């Protein structure tokens, strides 16, 4: 996870529990499908270069910019 974070500065946060991981990042696209498609590919596209485990994506949360900003301003995870 550390290697992924170092290689890809676009990540806001990376955390891992040993059998799962959470990656948060900001991206902007024409529509939700574009952004979700990119997010779904991040793990697989960087698996080899960052020596990531062979895990599959099991969840995805896409937020509007205003929702993300409001969470950050009240101290929640970005």
Protein backbone atom coordinates (compact mmCIF):
# COMPACT_ATOMS: atom_id res chain seq x y z
CA UNK A 1 0.00 0.00 0.00
CA UNK A 2 2.88 2.34 0.77
CA UNK A 3 4.37 1.73 -2.68
CA UNK A 4 1.02 2.52 -4.35
CA UNK A 5 0.78 5.76 -2.39
CA UNK A 6 4.34 6.77 -3.33
CA UNK A 7 3.90 5.92 -7.02
CA UNK A 8 0.57 7.67 -7.45
CA UNK A 9 0.34 11.09 -5.86
CA UNK A 10 -3.33 11.44 -6.87
CA UNK A 11 -4.38 9.34 -3.87
CA UNK A 12 -5.81 11.24 -0.90
CA UNK A 13 -5.45 8.33 1.48
CA UNK A 14 -4.58 4.65 1.52
CA UNK A 15 -5.26 2.32 4.42
CA UNK A 16 -5.02 -1.43 4.88
CA UNK A 17 -5.99 -3.98 7.54
CA UNK A 18 -4.04 -6.94 6.18
CA UNK A 19 -7.01 -8.54 4.43
CA UNK A 20 -8.63 -5.43 2.97
CA UNK A 21 -7.72 -1.96 1.75
CA UNK A 22 -9.39 1.41 1.25
CA UNK A 23 -8.22 3.99 -1.28
CA UNK A 24 -9.60 7.52 -1.45
CA UNK A 25 -8.90 9.94 -4.26
CA UNK A 26 -10.44 12.85 -6.09
CA UNK A 27 -11.17 12.73 -9.81
CA UNK A 28 -13.43 14.70 -12.06
CA UNK A 29 -15.25 13.37 -15.10
CA UNK A 30 -18.05 14.12 -17.51
CA UNK A 31 -20.40 11.83 -15.59
CA UNK A 32 -20.55 9.35 -12.74
CA UNK A 33 -19.98 6.37 -15.05
CA UNK A 34 -16.62 7.79 -16.22
CA UNK A 35 -15.42 8.38 -12.68
CA UNK A 36 -16.68 5.01 -11.41
CA UNK A 37 -14.99 3.21 -14.32
CA UNK A 38 -11.65 4.82 -13.49
CA UNK A 39 -12.01 4.00 -9.80
CA UNK A 40 -12.79 0.36 -10.58
CA UNK A 41 -9.58 0.07 -12.62
CA UNK A 42 -7.12 1.69 -10.17
CA UNK A 43 -6.33 -1.47 -8.17
CA UNK A 44 -5.88 -3.79 -11.15
CA UNK A 45 -3.89 -1.33 -13.24
CA UNK A 46 -1.39 -0.72 -10.43
CA UNK A 47 -1.33 -4.24 -8.95
CA UNK A 48 1.99 -5.27 -10.50
CA UNK A 49 3.94 -1.99 -10.21
CA UNK A 50 2.96 -1.52 -6.56
CA UNK A 51 3.08 -5.24 -5.63
CA UNK A 52 -0.55 -5.22 -4.49
CA UNK A 53 -2.37 -8.36 -3.34
CA UNK A 54 -4.64 -10.13 -5.85
CA UNK A 55 -7.79 -8.71 -4.25
CA UNK A 56 -10.95 -7.73 -6.09
CA UNK A 57 -12.91 -4.50 -5.66
CA UNK A 58 -15.97 -5.22 -3.53
CA UNK A 59 -17.25 -1.69 -2.92
CA UNK A 60 -17.21 1.73 -4.49
CA UNK A 61 -18.53 5.08 -3.28
CA UNK A 62 -18.75 8.01 -5.69
CA UNK A 63 -19.54 11.39 -4.16
CA UNK A 64 -20.41 14.78 -5.58
CA UNK A 65 -17.76 17.36 -4.85
CA UNK A 66 -20.00 19.27 -2.42
CA UNK A 67 -20.70 16.12 -0.36
CA UNK A 68 -16.99 15.29 -0.17
CA UNK A 69 -16.16 18.83 0.88
CA UNK A 70 -18.88 18.87 3.54
CA UNK A 71 -17.57 15.60 5.01
CA UNK A 72 -14.04 16.95 5.11
CA UNK A 73 -15.12 20.21 6.73
CA UNK A 74 -16.82 18.40 9.64
CA UNK A 75 -13.86 16.08 10.24
CA UNK A 76 -15.10 12.94 8.54
CA UNK A 77 -13.06 10.86 6.10
CA UNK A 78 -12.61 12.52 2.74
